[in-house]
Amino acid sequence: MLLLKIFLEFCKIGIIAFGGGNAIFPILHKEVVENLHWINEQDFLYMVSIAETTPGPIGMNLSTFIGHRLAGLPGALAATVGYCILPFFIMLFVAITVVKLKENKIYQRFLSAVMVVVLVLLMRAAYLMAAGGFHDFRPYLLSLVAFIIFMKFKKLNPIYLLIATGLIGMIVF
């Protein structure tokens, strides 16, 4: 019965876990620590720190650790499968639908709007990180130059751009 409860709870968490990574922590905390009292606050924080340093998706790692704490290996499997099964089927449906909608004008406009939203969110994230750490104009200038280069040479591999700006940043700073 516990395995079924673990599976169903992590199905629920997995289906609302948008944003991945750190966005899942408050949801998991609310459910497994506050509502269900499956683990205590300290254990949750330990699991978060381990999940962040373990390779793989953070939310899935954390779900696996919590399931393991609750019911050993079967609990880890129930939590992991529960966490990813519904998003998997949703993405499968979306992938099949996207192939059929690729030429649809409304769909193309929707994607253009989503790209603008993502760009704004990325710019906001960059601003928040920069506001707390940069007290000089040079990092902003370097970021602007990198952005202009990336937009000018759209086929440029972003990894090369990251390496180049990282090396320039080490020289300048």
C-alpha atoms as a PDB file:
ATOM      1  CA  MET A   1       0.000   0.000   0.000  1.00  0.00           C
ATOM      2  CA  LEU A   2       2.883   2.376   0.814  1.00  0.00           C
ATOM      3  CA  LEU A   3       4.426   1.794  -2.625  1.00  0.00           C
ATOM      4  CA  LEU A   4       1.165   2.719  -4.319  1.00  0.00           C
ATOM      5  CA  LYS A   5       0.912   5.865  -2.169  1.00  0.00           C
ATOM      6  CA  ILE A   6       4.520   6.804  -3.054  1.00  0.00           C
ATOM      7  CA  PHE A   7       3.843   6.190  -6.752  1.00  0.00           C
ATOM      8  CA  LEU A   8       0.644   8.268  -6.792  1.00  0.00           C
ATOM      9  CA  GLU A   9       2.138  11.155  -4.812  1.00  0.00           C
ATOM     10  CA  PHE A  10       5.125  11.374  -7.134  1.00  0.00           C
ATOM     11  CA  CYS A  11       2.832  11.151 -10.176  1.00  0.00           C
ATOM     12  CA  LYS A  12       1.052  14.202  -8.799  1.00  0.00           C
ATOM     13  CA  ILE A  13       4.330  16.003  -8.113  1.00  0.00           C
ATOM     14  CA  GLY A  14       5.809  15.068 -11.506  1.00  0.00           C
ATOM     15  CA  ILE A  15       2.831  16.410 -13.434  1.00  0.00           C
ATOM     16  CA  ILE A  16       3.060  19.860 -11.791  1.00  0.00           C
ATOM     17  CA  ALA A  17       6.863  20.056 -11.716  1.00  0.00           C
ATOM     18  CA  PHE A  18       7.348  22.751 -14.334  1.00  0.00           C
ATOM     19  CA  GLY A  19      10.637  24.584 -14.407  1.00  0.00           C
ATOM     20  CA  GLY A  20      12.690  21.625 -13.262  1.00  0.00           C
ATOM     21  CA  GLY A  21      15.692  21.910 -11.006  1.00  0.00           C
ATOM     22  CA  ASN A  22      15.223  24.273  -8.133  1.00  0.00           C
ATOM     23  CA  ALA A  23      11.577  24.936  -9.018  1.00  0.00           C
ATOM     24  CA  ILE A  24      10.636  21.461  -7.731  1.00  0.00           C
ATOM     25  CA  PHE A  25      12.085  21.896  -4.228  1.00  0.00           C
ATOM     26  CA  PRO A  26       9.214  23.920  -2.752  1.00  0.00           C
ATOM     27  CA  ILE A  27       6.643  21.527  -4.194  1.00  0.00           C
ATOM     28  CA  LEU A  28       8.413  18.444  -2.854  1.00  0.00           C
ATOM     29  CA  HIS A  29       8.999  20.126   0.511  1.00  0.00           C
ATOM     30  CA  LYS A  30       5.343  21.063   0.870  1.00  0.00           C
ATOM     31  CA  GLU A  31       4.174  17.554   0.065  1.00  0.00           C
ATOM     32  CA  VAL A  32       6.683  15.200   1.713  1.00  0.00           C
ATOM     33  CA  VAL A  33       7.715  17.307   4.717  1.00  0.00           C
ATOM     34  CA  GLU A  34       4.717  19.462   5.597  1.00  0.00           C
ATOM     35  CA  ASN A  35       1.658  17.589   4.298  1.00  0.00           C
ATOM     36  CA  LEU A  36       2.606  13.904   4.445  1.00  0.00           C
ATOM     37  CA  HIS A  37       5.323  14.100   7.146  1.00  0.00           C
ATOM     38  CA  TRP A  38       7.267  11.371   5.361  1.00  0.00           C
ATOM     39  CA  ILE A  39      10.655  12.925   6.150  1.00  0.00           C
ATOM     40  CA  ASN A  40      11.815  15.707   8.439  1.00  0.00           C
ATOM     41  CA  GLU A  41      13.214  19.098   7.462  1.00  0.00           C
ATOM     42  CA  GLN A  42      16.854  18.199   8.097  1.00  0.00           C
ATOM     43  CA  ASP A  43      16.710  15.004   6.031  1.00  0.00           C
ATOM     44  CA  PHE A  44      15.045  16.902   3.205  1.00  0.00           C
ATOM     45  CA  LEU A  45      17.836  19.496   3.184  1.00  0.00           C
ATOM     46  CA  TYR A  46      20.459  16.737   3.155  1.00  0.00           C
ATOM     47  CA  MET A  47      18.700  15.082   0.229  1.00  0.00           C
ATOM     48  CA  VAL A  48      18.509  18.384  -1.659  1.00  0.00           C
ATOM     49  CA  SER A  49      22.248  18.938  -1.266  1.00  0.00           C
ATOM     50  CA  ILE A  50      22.984  15.409  -2.462  1.00  0.00           C
ATOM     51  CA  ALA A  51      20.501  15.708  -5.363  1.00  0.00           C
ATOM     52  CA  GLU A  52      22.201  18.897  -6.538  1.00  0.00           C
ATOM     53  CA  THR A  53      25.612  17.257  -6.649  1.00  0.00           C
ATOM     54  CA  THR A  54      24.488  13.942  -8.143  1.00  0.00           C
ATOM     55  CA  PRO A  55      24.503  13.699 -11.954  1.00  0.00           C
ATOM     56  CA  GLY A  56      21.092  13.768 -13.550  1.00  0.00           C
ATOM     57  CA  PRO A  57      17.872  15.727 -13.200  1.00  0.00           C
ATOM     58  CA  ILE A  58      17.661  17.197  -9.712  1.00  0.00           C
ATOM     59  CA  GLY A  59      13.934  16.594  -9.240  1.00  0.00           C
ATOM     60  CA  MET A  60      14.231  12.967 -10.257  1.00  0.00           C
ATOM     61  CA  ASN A  61      17.260  12.436  -8.015  1.00  0.00           C
ATOM     62  CA  LEU A  62      15.440  13.964  -5.074  1.00  0.00           C
ATOM     63  CA  SER A  63      12.349  11.838  -5.750  1.00  0.00           C
ATOM     64  CA  THR A  64      14.501   8.720  -5.890  1.00  0.00           C
ATOM     65  CA  PHE A  65      16.219   9.566  -2.587  1.00  0.00           C
ATOM     66  CA  ILE A  66      12.910  10.235  -0.855  1.00  0.00           C
ATOM     67  CA  GLY A  67      11.392   7.009  -2.184  1.00  0.00           C
ATOM     68  CA  HIS A  68      14.467   5.082  -1.048  1.00  0.00           C
ATOM     69  CA  ARG A  69      14.242   6.602   2.423  1.00  0.00           C
ATOM     70  CA  LEU A  70      10.589   5.561   2.657  1.00  0.00           C
ATOM     71  CA  ALA A  71      10.663   2.013   1.279  1.00  0.00           C
ATOM     72  CA  GLY A  72      14.154   1.067   0.105  1.00  0.00           C
ATOM     73  CA  LEU A  73      14.770   0.070  -3.510  1.00  0.00           C
ATOM     74  CA  PRO A  74      11.079  -0.592  -4.307  1.00  0.00           C
ATOM     75  CA  GLY A  75      10.238   2.860  -2.921  1.00  0.00           C
ATOM     76  CA  ALA A  76      12.979   4.465  -5.011  1.00  0.00           C
ATOM     77  CA  LEU A  77      11.631   2.780  -8.142  1.00  0.00           C
ATOM     78  CA  ALA A  78       8.024   3.735  -7.326  1.00  0.00           C
ATOM     79  CA  ALA A  79       8.956   7.383  -6.723  1.00  0.00           C
ATOM     80  CA  THR A  80      11.166   7.634  -9.804  1.00  0.00           C
ATOM     81  CA  VAL A  81       8.653   6.013 -12.143  1.00  0.00           C
ATOM     82  CA  GLY A  82       5.829   8.019 -10.594  1.00  0.00           C
ATOM     83  CA  TYR A  83       7.752  11.258 -11.025  1.00  0.00           C
ATOM     84  CA  CYS A  84       8.527  10.750 -14.708  1.00  0.00           C
ATOM     85  CA  ILE A  85       5.766   8.554 -16.179  1.00  0.00           C
ATOM     86  CA  LEU A  86       3.056  11.189 -16.750  1.00  0.00           C
ATOM     87  CA  PRO A  87       5.442  13.866 -18.100  1.00  0.00           C
ATOM     88  CA  PHE A  88       6.858  11.203 -20.429  1.00  0.00           C
ATOM     89  CA  PHE A  89       3.440  10.441 -21.897  1.00  0.00           C
ATOM     90  CA  ILE A  90       2.580  14.131 -22.145  1.00  0.00           C
ATOM     91  CA  MET A  91       5.819  14.833 -24.020  1.00  0.00           C
ATOM     92  CA  LEU A  92       5.203  11.835 -26.273  1.00  0.00           C
ATOM     93  CA  PHE A  93       1.770  13.233 -27.123  1.00  0.00           C
ATOM     94  CA  VAL A  94       3.244  16.710 -27.684  1.00  0.00           C
ATOM     95  CA  ALA A  95       5.988  15.312 -29.936  1.00  0.00           C
ATOM     96  CA  ILE A  96       3.456  13.446 -32.066  1.00  0.00           C
ATOM     97  CA  THR A  97       1.224  16.523 -32.219  1.00  0.00           C
ATOM     98  CA  VAL A  98       4.090  18.891 -33.075  1.00  0.00           C
ATOM     99  CA  VAL A  99       5.055  16.790 -36.073  1.00  0.00           C
ATOM    100  CA  LYS A 100       1.489  17.132 -37.351  1.00  0.00           C
ATOM    101  CA  LEU A 101       1.258  20.863 -36.519  1.00  0.00           C
ATOM    102  CA  LYS A 102       4.644  21.916 -37.867  1.00  0.00           C
ATOM    103  CA  GLU A 103       3.178  23.757 -40.847  1.00  0.00           C
ATOM    104  CA  ASN A 104       0.242  25.298 -38.954  1.00  0.00           C
ATOM    105  CA  LYS A 105       0.479  29.133 -38.903  1.00  0.00           C
ATOM    106  CA  ILE A 106      -1.130  29.485 -35.462  1.00  0.00           C
ATOM    107  CA  TYR A 107       1.352  27.008 -34.034  1.00  0.00           C
ATOM    108  CA  GLN A 108       4.262  28.881 -35.623  1.00  0.00           C
ATOM    109  CA  ARG A 109       3.041  32.170 -34.112  1.00  0.00           C
ATOM    110  CA  PHE A 110       2.664  30.488 -30.735  1.00  0.00           C
ATOM    111  CA  LEU A 111       6.274  29.253 -30.896  1.00  0.00           C
ATOM    112  CA  SER A 112       7.467  32.746 -31.806  1.00  0.00           C
ATOM    113  CA  ALA A 113       5.658  34.136 -28.759  1.00  0.00           C
ATOM    114  CA  VAL A 114       7.145  31.430 -26.537  1.00  0.00           C
ATOM    115  CA  MET A 115      10.629  32.278 -27.802  1.00  0.00           C
ATOM    116  CA  VAL A 116      10.106  35.909 -26.777  1.00  0.00           C
ATOM    117  CA  VAL A 117       8.934  34.835 -23.321  1.00  0.00           C
ATOM    118  CA  VAL A 118      11.934  32.534 -22.894  1.00  0.00           C
ATOM    119  CA  LEU A 119      14.292  35.310 -23.964  1.00  0.00           C
ATOM    120  CA  VAL A 120      12.746  37.690 -21.432  1.00  0.00           C
ATOM    121  CA  LEU A 121      13.003  35.063 -18.681  1.00  0.00           C
ATOM    122  CA  LEU A 122      16.649  34.417 -19.529  1.00  0.00           C
ATOM    123  CA  MET A 123      17.377  38.144 -19.514  1.00  0.00           C
ATOM    124  CA  ARG A 124      15.650  38.450 -16.129  1.00  0.00           C
ATOM    125  CA  ALA A 125      17.688  35.561 -14.741  1.00  0.00           C
ATOM    126  CA  ALA A 126      20.893  37.138 -16.047  1.00  0.00           C
ATOM    127  CA  TYR A 127      19.924  40.459 -14.492  1.00  0.00           C
ATOM    128  CA  LEU A 128      19.190  38.889 -11.113  1.00  0.00           C
ATOM    129  CA  MET A 129      22.520  37.069 -11.095  1.00  0.00           C
ATOM    130  CA  ALA A 130      24.429  40.115 -12.272  1.00  0.00           C
ATOM    131  CA  ALA A 131      22.744  42.515  -9.841  1.00  0.00           C
ATOM    132  CA  GLY A 132      24.068  40.579  -6.878  1.00  0.00           C
ATOM    133  CA  GLY A 133      27.566  39.977  -8.125  1.00  0.00           C
ATOM    134  CA  PHE A 134      28.766  42.562 -10.608  1.00  0.00           C
ATOM    135  CA  HIS A 135      29.707  46.035  -9.459  1.00  0.00           C
ATOM    136  CA  ASP A 136      31.576  46.971 -12.608  1.00  0.00           C
ATOM    137  CA  PHE A 137      30.556  47.669 -16.213  1.00  0.00           C
ATOM    138  CA  ARG A 138      32.984  45.157 -17.793  1.00  0.00           C
ATOM    139  CA  PRO A 139      30.891  41.991 -17.251  1.00  0.00           C
ATOM    140  CA  TYR A 140      27.890  43.708 -18.791  1.00  0.00           C
ATOM    141  CA  LEU A 141      29.971  44.841 -21.736  1.00  0.00           C
ATOM    142  CA  LEU A 142      31.394  41.337 -22.223  1.00  0.00           C
ATOM    143  CA  SER A 143      27.885  39.863 -22.086  1.00  0.00           C
ATOM    144  CA  LEU A 144      26.647  42.382 -24.643  1.00  0.00           C
ATOM    145  CA  VAL A 145      29.556  41.619 -26.989  1.00  0.00           C
ATOM    146  CA  ALA A 146      28.926  37.865 -26.630  1.00  0.00           C
ATOM    147  CA  PHE A 147      25.228  38.374 -27.348  1.00  0.00           C
ATOM    148  CA  ILE A 148      25.981  40.465 -30.457  1.00  0.00           C
ATOM    149  CA  ILE A 149      28.469  37.859 -31.725  1.00  0.00           C
ATOM    150  CA  PHE A 150      25.960  35.084 -31.118  1.00  0.00           C
ATOM    151  CA  MET A 151      23.217  36.965 -32.969  1.00  0.00           C
ATOM    152  CA  LYS A 152      25.551  37.844 -35.854  1.00  0.00           C
ATOM    153  CA  PHE A 153      26.809  34.274 -36.297  1.00  0.00           C
ATOM    154  CA  LYS A 154      23.710  32.231 -35.480  1.00  0.00           C
ATOM    155  CA  LYS A 155      25.314  29.020 -36.649  1.00  0.00           C
ATOM    156  CA  LEU A 156      28.184  29.488 -34.192  1.00  0.00           C
ATOM    157  CA  ASN A 157      28.242  26.680 -31.663  1.00  0.00           C
ATOM    158  CA  PRO A 158      27.261  28.189 -28.255  1.00  0.00           C
ATOM    159  CA  ILE A 159      29.940  26.080 -26.549  1.00  0.00           C
ATOM    160  CA  TYR A 160      32.654  27.879 -28.502  1.00  0.00           C
ATOM    161  CA  LEU A 161      31.115  31.197 -27.555  1.00  0.00           C
ATOM    162  CA  LEU A 162      31.066  30.187 -23.869  1.00  0.00           C
ATOM    163  CA  ILE A 163      34.686  29.081 -24.004  1.00  0.00           C
ATOM    164  CA  ALA A 164      35.771  32.260 -25.798  1.00  0.00           C
ATOM    165  CA  THR A 165      33.907  34.593 -23.425  1.00  0.00           C
ATOM    166  CA  GLY A 166      35.188  32.604 -20.447  1.00  0.00           C
ATOM    167  CA  LEU A 167      38.776  33.048 -21.638  1.00  0.00           C
ATOM    168  CA  ILE A 168      38.215  36.748 -22.352  1.00  0.00           C
ATOM    169  CA  GLY A 169      36.647  37.129 -18.913  1.00  0.00           C
ATOM    170  CA  MET A 170      39.686  35.502 -17.268  1.00  0.00           C
ATOM    171  CA  ILE A 171      42.012  37.865 -19.139  1.00  0.00           C
ATOM    172  CA  VAL A 172      39.947  41.003 -18.482  1.00  0.00           C
ATOM    173  CA  PHE A 173      39.334  40.218 -14.807  1.00  0.00           C
END
